C-alpha atoms as a PDB file:
ATOM      1  CA  MET A   1     -80.020 -97.638 -99.833  1.00  0.00           C
ATOM      2  CA  ALA A   2     -81.023 -95.254-102.605  1.00  0.00           C
ATOM      3  CA  THR A   3     -82.021 -96.633-105.980  1.00  0.00           C
ATOM      4  CA  ILE A   4     -80.050 -95.840-109.119  1.00  0.00           C
ATOM      5  CA  ASN A   5     -82.934 -93.701-110.335  1.00  0.00           C
ATOM      6  CA  GLN A   6     -82.903 -91.582-107.188  1.00  0.00           C
ATOM      7  CA  LEU A   7     -79.145 -91.060-107.431  1.00  0.00           C
ATOM      8  CA  VAL A   8     -79.424 -90.032-111.081  1.00  0.00           C
ATOM      9  CA  ARG A   9     -82.056 -87.437-110.226  1.00  0.00           C
ATOM     10  CA  LYS A  10     -80.341 -86.078-107.133  1.00  0.00           C
ATOM     11  CA  PRO A  11     -76.719 -87.135-106.560  1.00  0.00           C
ATOM     12  CA  ARG A  12     -75.279 -87.474-103.084  1.00  0.00           C
ATOM     13  CA  LYS A  13     -73.850 -84.342-101.476  1.00  0.00           C
ATOM     14  CA  ARG A  14     -70.397 -84.328 -99.957  1.00  0.00           C
ATOM     15  CA  LYS A  15     -70.136 -83.462 -96.272  1.00  0.00           C
ATOM     16  CA  VAL A  16     -68.683 -80.008 -95.718  1.00  0.00           C
ATOM     17  CA  GLU A  17     -65.568 -80.265 -93.607  1.00  0.00           C
ATOM     18  CA  LYS A  18     -65.783 -77.957 -90.620  1.00  0.00           C
ATOM     19  CA  SER A  19     -62.590 -76.288 -89.443  1.00  0.00           C
ATOM     20  CA  ASP A  20     -61.407 -76.730 -85.856  1.00  0.00           C
ATOM     21  CA  VAL A  21     -60.383 -73.065 -85.648  1.00  0.00           C
ATOM     22  CA  PRO A  22     -62.809 -70.946 -87.692  1.00  0.00           C
ATOM     23  CA  ALA A  23     -61.384 -67.720 -86.215  1.00  0.00           C
ATOM     24  CA  LEU A  24     -58.049 -68.284 -87.982  1.00  0.00           C
ATOM     25  CA  GLN A  25     -59.596 -68.647 -91.447  1.00  0.00           C
ATOM     26  CA  SER A  26     -59.303 -64.955 -92.255  1.00  0.00           C
ATOM     27  CA  CYS A  27     -55.859 -64.522 -90.712  1.00  0.00           C
ATOM     28  CA  PRO A  28     -53.159 -66.351 -92.722  1.00  0.00           C
ATOM     29  CA  GLN A  29     -50.384 -65.112 -90.431  1.00  0.00           C
ATOM     30  CA  ARG A  30     -51.590 -67.309 -87.567  1.00  0.00           C
ATOM     31  CA  ARG A  31     -51.682 -70.533 -89.517  1.00  0.00           C
ATOM     32  CA  GLY A  32     -48.111 -71.608 -88.710  1.00  0.00           C
ATOM     33  CA  VAL A  33     -47.192 -74.417 -86.353  1.00  0.00           C
ATOM     34  CA  CYS A  34     -45.421 -73.473 -83.152  1.00  0.00           C
ATOM     35  CA  THR A  35     -42.236 -75.542 -83.062  1.00  0.00           C
ATOM     36  CA  ARG A  36     -40.611 -74.196 -79.911  1.00  0.00           C
ATOM     37  CA  VAL A  37     -41.758 -72.306 -76.832  1.00  0.00           C
ATOM     38  CA  TYR A  38     -39.003 -71.115 -74.550  1.00  0.00           C
ATOM     39  CA  THR A  39     -37.969 -68.286 -72.262  1.00  0.00           C
ATOM     40  CA  THR A  40     -34.588 -66.657 -72.130  1.00  0.00           C
ATOM     41  CA  THR A  41     -33.261 -65.582 -68.753  1.00  0.00           C
END
């Protein structure tokens, strides 16, 4: 456990949340959720 003095000097950093699909970050069109997949015959 860090002492109070250590935390005052250098506060804890938050963990950076890593995305599951980094490829879709730059493409907002593909962010939707697929609600139905079907074929018409």
